[in-house]
Amino acid sequence: MIDSNALYVMTFPDGTQNLVLDVQRWWNGALAFHDTCRGHTIEGKITETSDGVEVTTEQGKTIKFKLVTIEAFRRKYKDIANAGDAIAEVCNTTADLWEYYRRRLREDFR
């Protein structure tokens, strides 16, 4: 099930990764989400997985969205985050991490 409160790592077919949140399935079948710059949508076949969601575009490319836990953030994803080491130090739980990013997103869009 997609959790719009969660932090996800989005992985493109070329391996590029980005941290995103506010992931939602729209009524028209698109997947919407925010990175720290702005909102985006991707259209395609949406498949929910045990740890996230995948979107397969009309061109046959699959973009994966995987839930990020505090452990995974510290181990793998802090290096793709702006100030990732500092974030890893102030967040003690996965819930703390997700709240940090939701708060940051609201501040960035003021």
Protein backbone atom coordinates (compact mmCIF):
# COMPACT_ATOMS: atom_id res chain seq x y z
CA MET A 1 0.00 0.00 0.00
CA ILE A 2 1.32 3.44 -0.89
CA ASP A 3 2.01 5.58 2.18
CA SER A 4 1.86 9.29 1.35
CA ASN A 5 3.59 10.08 4.67
CA ALA A 6 6.62 7.92 3.87
CA LEU A 7 10.01 8.79 2.43
CA TYR A 8 10.90 6.78 -0.68
CA VAL A 9 13.99 6.35 -2.78
CA MET A 10 13.08 6.60 -6.46
CA THR A 11 15.34 4.59 -8.75
CA PHE A 12 15.38 5.28 -12.49
CA PRO A 13 16.24 2.56 -15.04
CA ASP A 14 19.78 4.00 -15.37
CA GLY A 15 20.35 3.58 -11.60
CA THR A 16 20.03 7.27 -10.73
CA GLN A 17 18.34 7.74 -7.36
CA ASN A 18 16.45 10.56 -5.67
CA LEU A 19 14.65 10.85 -2.33
CA VAL A 20 10.94 11.67 -2.71
CA LEU A 21 7.84 11.89 -0.58
CA ASP A 22 4.11 12.53 -0.70
CA VAL A 23 3.76 9.62 -3.15
CA GLN A 24 0.12 9.23 -4.23
CA ARG A 25 -1.87 7.42 -6.88
CA TRP A 26 -3.98 9.95 -8.78
CA TRP A 27 -7.49 9.30 -10.02
CA ASN A 28 -6.27 9.26 -13.66
CA GLY A 29 -3.79 6.44 -13.01
CA ALA A 30 -0.68 8.59 -12.64
CA LEU A 31 1.69 8.44 -9.69
CA ALA A 32 2.38 11.85 -8.14
CA PHE A 33 5.21 12.74 -5.77
CA HIS A 34 7.45 15.57 -4.56
CA ASP A 35 11.18 15.87 -4.42
CA THR A 36 12.74 18.77 -2.53
CA CYS A 37 12.31 21.04 -5.57
CA ARG A 38 8.77 20.50 -6.87
CA GLY A 39 5.96 18.08 -7.61
CA HIS A 40 6.03 15.51 -10.41
CA THR A 41 3.79 12.89 -12.00
CA ILE A 42 4.57 9.70 -13.89
CA GLU A 43 2.00 7.92 -16.00
CA GLY A 44 2.10 4.19 -16.57
CA LYS A 45 1.16 0.84 -15.11
CA ILE A 46 1.40 1.09 -11.31
CA THR A 47 2.29 -2.05 -9.36
CA GLU A 48 2.49 -2.06 -5.59
CA THR A 49 5.28 -4.20 -4.12
CA SER A 50 5.99 -5.39 -0.58
CA ASP A 51 8.28 -2.41 0.06
CA GLY A 52 7.01 0.26 -2.31
CA VAL A 53 5.64 0.74 -5.79
CA GLU A 54 6.82 0.48 -9.41
CA VAL A 55 5.65 2.40 -12.46
CA THR A 56 6.18 0.93 -15.91
CA THR A 57 5.90 3.65 -18.54
CA GLU A 58 4.48 3.25 -22.05
CA GLN A 59 8.09 3.08 -23.25
CA GLY A 60 8.62 -0.03 -21.09
CA LYS A 61 10.90 1.63 -18.53
CA THR A 62 10.32 0.80 -14.87
CA ILE A 63 10.81 3.40 -12.14
CA LYS A 64 10.92 1.97 -8.62
CA PHE A 65 9.86 3.67 -5.39
CA LYS A 66 11.12 1.89 -2.28
CA LEU A 67 10.29 2.84 1.32
CA VAL A 68 13.28 4.27 3.20
CA THR A 69 13.84 3.23 6.81
CA ILE A 70 16.26 5.04 9.11
CA GLU A 71 18.59 2.04 8.88
CA ALA A 72 18.58 2.08 5.06
CA PHE A 73 19.02 5.87 5.05
CA ARG A 74 22.10 5.62 7.27
CA ARG A 75 23.53 2.69 5.32
CA LYS A 76 22.74 3.62 1.70
CA TYR A 77 20.88 6.85 1.07
CA LYS A 78 22.41 9.56 3.26
CA ASP A 79 25.02 10.11 0.54
CA ILE A 80 22.35 11.18 -1.97
CA ALA A 81 20.72 13.54 0.54
CA ASN A 82 21.75 17.13 1.05
CA ALA A 83 23.34 17.15 4.55
CA GLY A 84 22.67 13.41 4.86
CA ASP A 85 25.15 12.85 7.70
CA ALA A 86 23.52 15.59 9.79
CA ILE A 87 20.04 14.23 9.06
CA ALA A 88 21.13 10.72 10.09
CA GLU A 89 22.40 12.11 13.40
CA VAL A 90 19.23 14.03 14.37
CA CYS A 91 16.73 11.35 13.29
CA ASN A 92 16.50 8.36 15.65
CA THR A 93 13.65 6.42 14.06
CA THR A 94 12.08 5.95 10.66
CA ALA A 95 9.13 8.08 11.81
CA ASP A 96 11.58 10.88 12.74
CA LEU A 97 13.17 10.68 9.29
CA TRP A 98 9.85 10.82 7.47
CA GLU A 99 8.69 13.77 9.61
CA TYR A 100 11.97 15.59 8.98
CA TYR A 101 11.41 15.38 5.23
CA ARG A 102 7.72 16.38 5.44
CA ARG A 103 8.69 19.42 7.55
CA ARG A 104 11.52 20.28 5.15
CA LEU A 105 9.20 20.03 2.15
CA ARG A 106 6.71 22.44 3.72
CA GLU A 107 9.51 24.90 4.46
CA ASP A 108 10.93 24.65 0.92
CA PHE A 109 7.55 25.49 -0.63
CA ARG A 110 6.80 28.61 1.43
